[in-house]
């Protein structure tokens, strides 16, 4: 996915670990965990607004309810 195509994707600030990054998903209302590193990800959501195009992970958030 090109940088231009990512411009309209949601960006989630993640709690970072050495091997995983975690954020609170406002759609699913649960934490999603991905491999460590910033950038585009395929959504772990079973349905909803992020399923088709995914989202972008960024460092520096808290994996807590409402902690986007």
PDB file of N, CA and C in Angstrom:
ATOM      1  N   UNK A   1       0.856  -1.174   0.000  1.00  0.00           N
ATOM      2  CA  UNK A   1       0.000   0.000   0.000  1.00  0.00           C
ATOM      3  C   UNK A   1       0.899   1.232   0.000  1.00  0.00           C
ATOM      4  N   UNK A   2       0.601   2.180  -0.864  1.00  0.00           N
ATOM      5  CA  UNK A   2       1.424   3.382  -0.961  1.00  0.00           C
ATOM      6  C   UNK A   2       1.129   4.338   0.177  1.00  0.00           C
ATOM      7  N   UNK A   3       2.050   5.263   0.412  1.00  0.00           N
ATOM      8  CA  UNK A   3       1.843   6.266   1.467  1.00  0.00           C
ATOM      9  C   UNK A   3       0.578   7.069   1.205  1.00  0.00           C
ATOM     10  N   UNK A   4       0.319   7.431  -0.042  1.00  0.00           N
ATOM     11  CA  UNK A   4      -0.880   8.218  -0.361  1.00  0.00           C
ATOM     12  C   UNK A   4      -2.146   7.445  -0.014  1.00  0.00           C
ATOM     13  N   UNK A   5      -2.149   6.142  -0.264  1.00  0.00           N
ATOM     14  CA  UNK A   5      -3.329   5.331   0.030  1.00  0.00           C
ATOM     15  C   UNK A   5      -3.542   5.186   1.526  1.00  0.00           C
ATOM     16  N   UNK A   6      -2.496   5.353   2.319  1.00  0.00           N
ATOM     17  CA  UNK A   6      -2.604   5.222   3.774  1.00  0.00           C
ATOM     18  C   UNK A   6      -3.115   6.479   4.452  1.00  0.00           C
ATOM     19  N   UNK A   7      -3.111   7.584   3.766  1.00  0.00           N
ATOM     20  CA  UNK A   7      -3.451   8.867   4.382  1.00  0.00           C
ATOM     21  C   UNK A   7      -4.810   8.878   5.061  1.00  0.00           C
ATOM     22  N   UNK A   8      -5.759   8.138   4.558  1.00  0.00           N
ATOM     23  CA  UNK A   8      -7.100   8.176   5.144  1.00  0.00           C
ATOM     24  C   UNK A   8      -7.378   6.987   6.066  1.00  0.00           C
ATOM     25  N   UNK A   9      -6.366   6.191   6.369  1.00  0.00           N
ATOM     26  CA  UNK A   9      -6.549   5.069   7.294  1.00  0.00           C
ATOM     27  C   UNK A   9      -6.404   5.540   8.737  1.00  0.00           C
ATOM     28  N   UNK A  10      -7.109   4.888   9.664  1.00  0.00           N
ATOM     29  CA  UNK A  10      -6.940   5.251  11.069  1.00  0.00           C
ATOM     30  C   UNK A  10      -5.547   4.856  11.558  1.00  0.00           C
ATOM     31  N   UNK A  11      -4.999   5.669  12.449  1.00  0.00           N
ATOM     32  CA  UNK A  11      -3.704   5.399  13.059  1.00  0.00           C
ATOM     33  C   UNK A  11      -3.939   5.165  14.539  1.00  0.00           C
ATOM     34  N   UNK A  12      -3.434   4.043  15.049  1.00  0.00           N
ATOM     35  CA  UNK A  12      -3.604   3.711  16.455  1.00  0.00           C
ATOM     36  C   UNK A  12      -2.258   3.748  17.154  1.00  0.00           C
ATOM     37  N   UNK A  13      -2.200   4.502  18.246  1.00  0.00           N
ATOM     38  CA  UNK A  13      -1.003   4.565  19.080  1.00  0.00           C
ATOM     39  C   UNK A  13      -0.978   3.301  19.932  1.00  0.00           C
ATOM     40  N   UNK A  14       0.133   2.605  19.902  1.00  0.00           N
ATOM     41  CA  UNK A  14       0.231   1.290  20.530  1.00  0.00           C
ATOM     42  C   UNK A  14       1.121   1.258  21.760  1.00  0.00           C
ATOM     43  N   UNK A  15       0.781   0.358  22.646  1.00  0.00           N
ATOM     44  CA  UNK A  15       1.672  -0.028  23.732  1.00  0.00           C
ATOM     45  C   UNK A  15       2.700  -0.952  23.073  1.00  0.00           C
ATOM     46  N   UNK A  16       3.975  -0.607  23.192  1.00  0.00           N
ATOM     47  CA  UNK A  16       4.999  -1.346  22.471  1.00  0.00           C
ATOM     48  C   UNK A  16       5.770  -2.294  23.372  1.00  0.00           C
ATOM     49  N   UNK A  17       6.038  -3.466  22.841  1.00  0.00           N
ATOM     50  CA  UNK A  17       6.878  -4.454  23.504  1.00  0.00           C
ATOM     51  C   UNK A  17       7.994  -4.834  22.546  1.00  0.00           C
ATOM     52  N   UNK A  18       8.871  -5.682  22.974  1.00  0.00           N
ATOM     53  CA  UNK A  18       9.992  -6.039  22.110  1.00  0.00           C
ATOM     54  C   UNK A  18       9.559  -6.888  20.917  1.00  0.00           C
ATOM     55  N   UNK A  19       8.476  -7.632  21.049  1.00  0.00           N
ATOM     56  CA  UNK A  19       8.017  -8.486  19.956  1.00  0.00           C
ATOM     57  C   UNK A  19       6.594  -8.188  19.491  1.00  0.00           C
ATOM     58  N   UNK A  20       5.817  -7.468  20.294  1.00  0.00           N
ATOM     59  CA  UNK A  20       4.420  -7.195  19.939  1.00  0.00           C
ATOM     60  C   UNK A  20       4.030  -5.749  20.241  1.00  0.00           C
ATOM     61  N   UNK A  21       3.046  -5.268  19.507  1.00  0.00           N
ATOM     62  CA  UNK A  21       2.432  -3.958  19.746  1.00  0.00           C
ATOM     63  C   UNK A  21       0.947  -4.190  19.943  1.00  0.00           C
ATOM     64  N   UNK A  22       0.360  -3.490  20.922  1.00  0.00           N
ATOM     65  CA  UNK A  22      -1.038  -3.692  21.291  1.00  0.00           C
ATOM     66  C   UNK A  22      -1.777  -2.358  21.348  1.00  0.00           C
ATOM     67  N   UNK A  23      -3.037  -2.374  20.890  1.00  0.00           N
ATOM     68  CA  UNK A  23      -3.883  -1.186  21.027  1.00  0.00           C
ATOM     69  C   UNK A  23      -5.314  -1.611  21.300  1.00  0.00           C
ATOM     70  N   UNK A  24      -6.069  -0.682  21.868  1.00  0.00           N
ATOM     71  CA  UNK A  24      -7.494  -0.884  22.144  1.00  0.00           C
ATOM     72  C   UNK A  24      -8.271  -0.539  20.889  1.00  0.00           C
ATOM     73  N   UNK A  25      -9.026  -1.506  20.359  1.00  0.00           N
ATOM     74  CA  UNK A  25      -9.813  -1.271  19.145  1.00  0.00           C
ATOM     75  C   UNK A  25     -11.163  -0.673  19.521  1.00  0.00           C
ATOM     76  N   UNK A  26     -11.445   0.533  19.021  1.00  0.00           N
ATOM     77  CA  UNK A  26     -12.719   1.169  19.370  1.00  0.00           C
ATOM     78  C   UNK A  26     -13.927   0.487  18.724  1.00  0.00           C
ATOM     79  N   UNK A  27     -13.703  -0.267  17.673  1.00  0.00           N
ATOM     80  CA  UNK A  27     -14.812  -0.981  17.033  1.00  0.00           C
ATOM     81  C   UNK A  27     -15.128  -2.282  17.781  1.00  0.00           C
ATOM     82  N   UNK A  28     -14.126  -3.131  17.976  1.00  0.00           N
ATOM     83  CA  UNK A  28     -14.327  -4.436  18.621  1.00  0.00           C
ATOM     84  C   UNK A  28     -14.436  -4.341  20.138  1.00  0.00           C
ATOM     85  N   UNK A  29     -13.890  -3.253  20.670  1.00  0.00           N
ATOM     86  CA  UNK A  29     -13.839  -3.038  22.125  1.00  0.00           C
ATOM     87  C   UNK A  29     -13.029  -4.116  22.841  1.00  0.00           C
ATOM     88  N   UNK A  30     -11.936  -4.507  22.190  1.00  0.00           N
ATOM     89  CA  UNK A  30     -10.953  -5.420  22.773  1.00  0.00           C
ATOM     90  C   UNK A  30      -9.571  -4.981  22.292  1.00  0.00           C
ATOM     91  N   UNK A  31      -8.539  -5.519  22.925  1.00  0.00           N
ATOM     92  CA  UNK A  31      -7.183  -5.235  22.481  1.00  0.00           C
ATOM     93  C   UNK A  31      -6.840  -6.114  21.282  1.00  0.00           C
ATOM     94  N   UNK A  32      -6.109  -5.525  20.332  1.00  0.00           N
ATOM     95  CA  UNK A  32      -5.555  -6.281  19.211  1.00  0.00           C
ATOM     96  C   UNK A  32      -4.043  -6.239  19.357  1.00  0.00           C
ATOM     97  N   UNK A  33      -3.401  -7.354  19.113  1.00  0.00           N
ATOM     98  CA  UNK A  33      -1.953  -7.456  19.215  1.00  0.00           C
ATOM     99  C   UNK A  33      -1.373  -7.848  17.866  1.00  0.00           C
ATOM    100  N   UNK A  34      -0.337  -7.126  17.467  1.00  0.00           N
ATOM    101  CA  UNK A  34       0.354  -7.375  16.200  1.00  0.00           C
ATOM    102  C   UNK A  34       1.844  -7.511  16.473  1.00  0.00           C
ATOM    103  N   UNK A  35       2.570  -8.017  15.491  1.00  0.00           N
ATOM    104  CA  UNK A  35       4.022  -8.051  15.579  1.00  0.00           C
ATOM    105  C   UNK A  35       4.555  -6.636  15.708  1.00  0.00           C
ATOM    106  N   UNK A  36       5.710  -6.500  16.367  1.00  0.00           N
ATOM    107  CA  UNK A  36       6.289  -5.178  16.629  1.00  0.00           C
ATOM    108  C   UNK A  36       6.631  -4.447  15.333  1.00  0.00           C
ATOM    109  N   UNK A  37       6.429  -3.135  15.364  1.00  0.00           N
ATOM    110  CA  UNK A  37       6.805  -2.279  14.249  1.00  0.00           C
ATOM    111  C   UNK A  37       5.669  -1.404  13.779  1.00  0.00           C
ATOM    112  N   UNK A  38       6.038  -0.196  13.391  1.00  0.00           N
ATOM    113  CA  UNK A  38       5.053   0.761  12.893  1.00  0.00           C
ATOM    114  C   UNK A  38       4.675   0.425  11.455  1.00  0.00           C
ATOM    115  N   UNK A  39       3.473   0.886  11.073  1.00  0.00           N
ATOM    116  CA  UNK A  39       3.055   0.744   9.686  1.00  0.00           C
ATOM    117  C   UNK A  39       1.701   0.096   9.530  1.00  0.00           C
ATOM    118  N   UNK A  40       1.352  -0.154   8.275  1.00  0.00           N
ATOM    119  CA  UNK A  40       0.050  -0.711   7.925  1.00  0.00           C
ATOM    120  C   UNK A  40      -0.082  -2.158   8.392  1.00  0.00           C
ATOM    121  N   UNK A  41      -1.289  -2.502   8.856  1.00  0.00           N
ATOM    122  CA  UNK A  41      -1.592  -3.868   9.269  1.00  0.00           C
ATOM    123  C   UNK A  41      -2.950  -4.287   8.721  1.00  0.00           C
ATOM    124  N   UNK A  42      -3.101  -5.578   8.491  1.00  0.00           N
ATOM    125  CA  UNK A  42      -4.402  -6.165   8.178  1.00  0.00           C
ATOM    126  C   UNK A  42      -5.174  -6.191   9.498  1.00  0.00           C
ATOM    127  N   UNK A  43      -6.426  -5.784   9.456  1.00  0.00           N
ATOM    128  CA  UNK A  43      -7.229  -5.703  10.679  1.00  0.00           C
ATOM    129  C   UNK A  43      -7.499  -7.072  11.280  1.00  0.00           C
ATOM    130  N   UNK A  44      -7.458  -7.150  12.604  1.00  0.00           N
ATOM    131  CA  UNK A  44      -7.843  -8.355  13.325  1.00  0.00           C
ATOM    132  C   UNK A  44      -9.342  -8.373  13.604  1.00  0.00           C
ATOM    133  N   UNK A  45     -10.027  -7.328  13.230  1.00  0.00           N
ATOM    134  CA  UNK A  45     -11.468  -7.226  13.454  1.00  0.00           C
ATOM    135  C   UNK A  45     -12.210  -8.262  12.594  1.00  0.00           C
ATOM    136  N   UNK A  46     -13.232  -8.881  13.161  1.00  0.00           N
ATOM    137  CA  UNK A  46     -14.032  -9.849  12.417  1.00  0.00           C
ATOM    138  C   UNK A  46     -14.952  -9.170  11.407  1.00  0.00           C
ATOM    139  N   UNK A  47     -15.317  -7.925  11.675  1.00  0.00           N
ATOM    140  CA  UNK A  47     -16.178  -7.144  10.784  1.00  0.00           C
ATOM    141  C   UNK A  47     -15.958  -5.674  11.105  1.00  0.00           C
ATOM    142  N   UNK A  48     -16.654  -4.814  10.376  1.00  0.00           N
ATOM    143  CA  UNK A  48     -16.604  -3.398  10.709  1.00  0.00           C
ATOM    144  C   UNK A  48     -15.752  -2.552   9.788  1.00  0.00           C
ATOM    145  N   UNK A  49     -15.509  -1.314  10.197  1.00  0.00           N
ATOM    146  CA  UNK A  49     -14.918  -0.312   9.308  1.00  0.00           C
ATOM    147  C   UNK A  49     -13.448  -0.537   8.960  1.00  0.00           C
ATOM    148  N   UNK A  50     -12.715  -1.348   9.705  1.00  0.00           N
ATOM    149  CA  UNK A  50     -11.289  -1.538   9.438  1.00  0.00           C
ATOM    150  C   UNK A  50     -10.999  -2.813   8.653  1.00  0.00           C
ATOM    151  N   UNK A  51     -11.985  -3.675   8.509  1.00  0.00           N
ATOM    152  CA  UNK A  51     -11.801  -4.990   7.897  1.00  0.00           C
ATOM    153  C   UNK A  51     -11.271  -4.899   6.461  1.00  0.00           C
ATOM    154  N   UNK A  52     -11.811  -4.020   5.659  1.00  0.00           N
ATOM    155  CA  UNK A  52     -11.453  -3.964   4.239  1.00  0.00           C
ATOM    156  C   UNK A  52     -10.043  -3.454   3.973  1.00  0.00           C
ATOM    157  N   UNK A  53      -9.602  -2.412   4.702  1.00  0.00           N
ATOM    158  CA  UNK A  53      -8.325  -1.768   4.374  1.00  0.00           C
ATOM    159  C   UNK A  53      -7.303  -1.784   5.498  1.00  0.00           C
ATOM    160  N   UNK A  54      -7.723  -2.193   6.692  1.00  0.00           N
ATOM    161  CA  UNK A  54      -6.786  -2.258   7.802  1.00  0.00           C
ATOM    162  C   UNK A  54      -6.605  -0.921   8.495  1.00  0.00           C
ATOM    163  N   UNK A  55      -5.459  -0.791   9.163  1.00  0.00           N
ATOM    164  CA  UNK A  55      -5.142   0.411   9.922  1.00  0.00           C
ATOM    165  C   UNK A  55      -3.635   0.527  10.034  1.00  0.00           C
ATOM    166  N   UNK A  56      -3.191   1.631  10.610  1.00  0.00           N
ATOM    167  CA  UNK A  56      -1.764   1.903  10.747  1.00  0.00           C
ATOM    168  C   UNK A  56      -1.414   1.933  12.230  1.00  0.00           C
ATOM    169  N   UNK A  57      -0.301   1.295  12.581  1.00  0.00           N
ATOM    170  CA  UNK A  57       0.166   1.295  13.963  1.00  0.00           C
ATOM    171  C   UNK A  57       1.279   2.316  14.144  1.00  0.00           C
ATOM    172  N   UNK A  58       1.244   2.998  15.278  1.00  0.00           N
ATOM    173  CA  UNK A  58       2.285   3.962  15.643  1.00  0.00           C
ATOM    174  C   UNK A  58       2.685   3.694  17.093  1.00  0.00           C
ATOM    175  N   UNK A  59       3.900   3.990  17.435  1.00  0.00           N
ATOM    176  CA  UNK A  59       4.390   3.771  18.797  1.00  0.00           C
ATOM    177  C   UNK A  59       3.860   4.837  19.740  1.00  0.00           C
ATOM    178  N   UNK A  60       3.742   4.462  21.024  1.00  0.00           N
ATOM    179  CA  UNK A  60       3.539   5.468  22.029  1.00  0.00           C
ATOM    180  C   UNK A  60       2.213   5.563  22.702  1.00  0.00           C
ATOM    181  N   UNK A  61       1.348   4.601  22.595  1.00  0.00           N
ATOM    182  CA  UNK A  61       0.056   4.703  23.252  1.00  0.00           C
ATOM    183  C   UNK A  61      -0.063   3.742  24.415  1.00  0.00           C
ATOM    184  N   UNK A  62      -1.200   3.799  25.071  1.00  0.00           N
ATOM    185  CA  UNK A  62      -1.510   2.859  26.143  1.00  0.00           C
ATOM    186  C   UNK A  62      -2.614   1.944  25.643  1.00  0.00           C
ATOM    187  N   UNK A  63      -2.451   0.667  25.848  1.00  0.00           N
ATOM    188  CA  UNK A  63      -3.479  -0.289  25.438  1.00  0.00           C
ATOM    189  C   UNK A  63      -4.546  -0.331  26.515  1.00  0.00           C
ATOM    190  N   UNK A  64      -5.324   0.717  26.547  1.00  0.00           N
ATOM    191  CA  UNK A  64      -6.385   0.822  27.543  1.00  0.00           C
ATOM    192  C   UNK A  64      -7.637   1.301  26.837  1.00  0.00           C
ATOM    193  N   UNK A  65      -8.778   1.023  27.400  1.00  0.00           N
ATOM    194  CA  UNK A  65     -10.035   1.416  26.788  1.00  0.00           C
ATOM    195  C   UNK A  65     -10.040   2.899  26.492  1.00  0.00           C
ATOM    196  N   UNK A  66     -10.282   3.228  25.239  1.00  0.00           N
ATOM    197  CA  UNK A  66     -10.294   4.629  24.816  1.00  0.00           C
ATOM    198  C   UNK A  66      -8.912   5.196  24.617  1.00  0.00           C
ATOM    199  N   UNK A  67      -7.881   4.399  24.647  1.00  0.00           N
ATOM    200  CA  UNK A  67      -6.518   4.913  24.560  1.00  0.00           C
ATOM    201  C   UNK A  67      -5.970   5.035  23.167  1.00  0.00           C
ATOM    202  N   UNK A  68      -6.783   5.489  22.232  1.00  0.00           N
ATOM    203  CA  UNK A  68      -6.328   5.672  20.854  1.00  0.00           C
ATOM    204  C   UNK A  68      -5.456   6.897  20.767  1.00  0.00           C
TER     205      UNK A  68
END
